[in-house]
Amino acid sequence: MVTTKLYNRYQTVVPAEIRKKLDMKKDDILDWRVTENGTAEIRIKRKTSLKDMEGIFTAKSHINSVELKKKVQKGEKI
């Protein structure tokens, strides 16, 4: 078990051991929640970059982004 303390303004530090095991980065966000049994649960939310999304979306056909933008600006359905 790793322990930390609360400092001024209730700040604390995530220990290096935990950061490494969870592959935490500077821009990660910690979501805090108190469970029904009175314990704290922390979940990590990571920023998603375009590189992270690469390959997730695929087009069924060629997309002309210029024409698509014109349609959107005119309010046409795409």
Protein backbone atom coordinates (compact mmCIF):
# COMPACT_ATOMS: atom_id res chain seq x y z
CA MET A 1 0.00 0.00 0.00
CA VAL A 2 1.22 3.48 -0.85
CA THR A 3 0.16 6.42 1.30
CA THR A 4 0.21 10.17 0.74
CA LYS A 5 -0.91 13.12 2.80
CA LEU A 6 -3.07 16.16 2.13
CA TYR A 7 -1.19 19.44 1.87
CA ASN A 8 -2.33 23.06 1.88
CA ARG A 9 -5.56 23.56 -0.03
CA TYR A 10 -6.19 19.79 0.24
CA GLN A 11 -3.71 18.90 -2.50
CA THR A 12 -1.92 15.57 -2.69
CA VAL A 13 0.59 13.82 -4.93
CA VAL A 14 0.04 10.67 -6.97
CA PRO A 15 3.11 8.59 -6.14
CA ALA A 16 5.49 7.70 -8.98
CA GLU A 17 4.92 3.97 -8.39
CA ILE A 18 1.18 4.40 -9.04
CA ARG A 19 1.69 6.77 -12.01
CA LYS A 20 3.99 4.25 -13.69
CA LYS A 21 1.74 1.24 -13.08
CA LEU A 22 -1.29 3.10 -14.47
CA ASP A 23 0.68 4.87 -17.24
CA MET A 24 -0.58 8.25 -16.04
CA LYS A 25 0.29 11.42 -17.96
CA LYS A 26 0.26 15.14 -17.08
CA ASP A 27 -3.10 15.89 -18.72
CA ASP A 28 -4.97 12.93 -17.21
CA ILE A 29 -8.02 13.82 -15.15
CA LEU A 30 -8.92 12.04 -11.92
CA ASP A 31 -12.61 11.43 -11.23
CA TRP A 32 -13.31 10.98 -7.52
CA ARG A 33 -16.35 9.19 -6.12
CA VAL A 34 -17.40 8.10 -2.65
CA THR A 35 -18.84 4.58 -2.69
CA GLU A 36 -21.81 3.38 -0.67
CA ASN A 37 -19.53 1.75 1.89
CA GLY A 38 -17.68 5.06 2.46
CA THR A 39 -14.50 4.41 0.53
CA ALA A 40 -13.05 6.60 -2.21
CA GLU A 41 -12.84 5.44 -5.80
CA ILE A 42 -10.63 7.21 -8.32
CA ARG A 43 -10.93 6.74 -12.07
CA ILE A 44 -8.52 8.06 -14.67
CA LYS A 45 -9.86 9.93 -17.67
CA ARG A 46 -7.37 10.40 -20.44
CA LYS A 47 -7.39 13.01 -23.15
CA THR A 48 -7.99 11.42 -26.53
CA SER A 49 -5.77 12.58 -29.35
CA LEU A 50 -6.27 12.19 -33.08
CA LYS A 51 -3.50 9.60 -33.05
CA ASP A 52 -5.50 7.57 -30.49
CA MET A 53 -8.49 7.55 -32.85
CA GLU A 54 -6.50 6.64 -35.95
CA GLY A 55 -8.01 3.62 -37.66
CA ILE A 56 -11.23 3.60 -35.61
CA PHE A 57 -13.35 5.26 -38.28
CA THR A 58 -13.40 4.08 -41.86
CA ALA A 59 -15.27 5.49 -44.83
CA LYS A 60 -17.25 3.25 -47.16
CA SER A 61 -16.27 5.44 -50.08
CA HIS A 62 -14.09 8.43 -50.98
CA ILE A 63 -15.01 11.58 -49.04
CA ASN A 64 -14.60 15.02 -50.60
CA SER A 65 -14.15 17.17 -47.51
CA VAL A 66 -14.57 20.44 -49.43
CA GLU A 67 -17.96 19.38 -50.83
CA LEU A 68 -18.98 18.00 -47.44
CA LYS A 69 -18.16 21.32 -45.76
CA LYS A 70 -20.21 23.22 -48.38
CA LYS A 71 -23.22 20.97 -47.74
CA VAL A 72 -22.96 21.45 -43.99
CA GLN A 73 -22.70 25.23 -44.37
CA LYS A 74 -25.83 25.23 -46.55
CA GLY A 75 -27.67 23.12 -43.97
CA GLU A 76 -28.03 20.16 -46.34
CA LYS A 77 -28.22 16.61 -45.04
CA ILE A 78 -25.07 14.60 -45.40
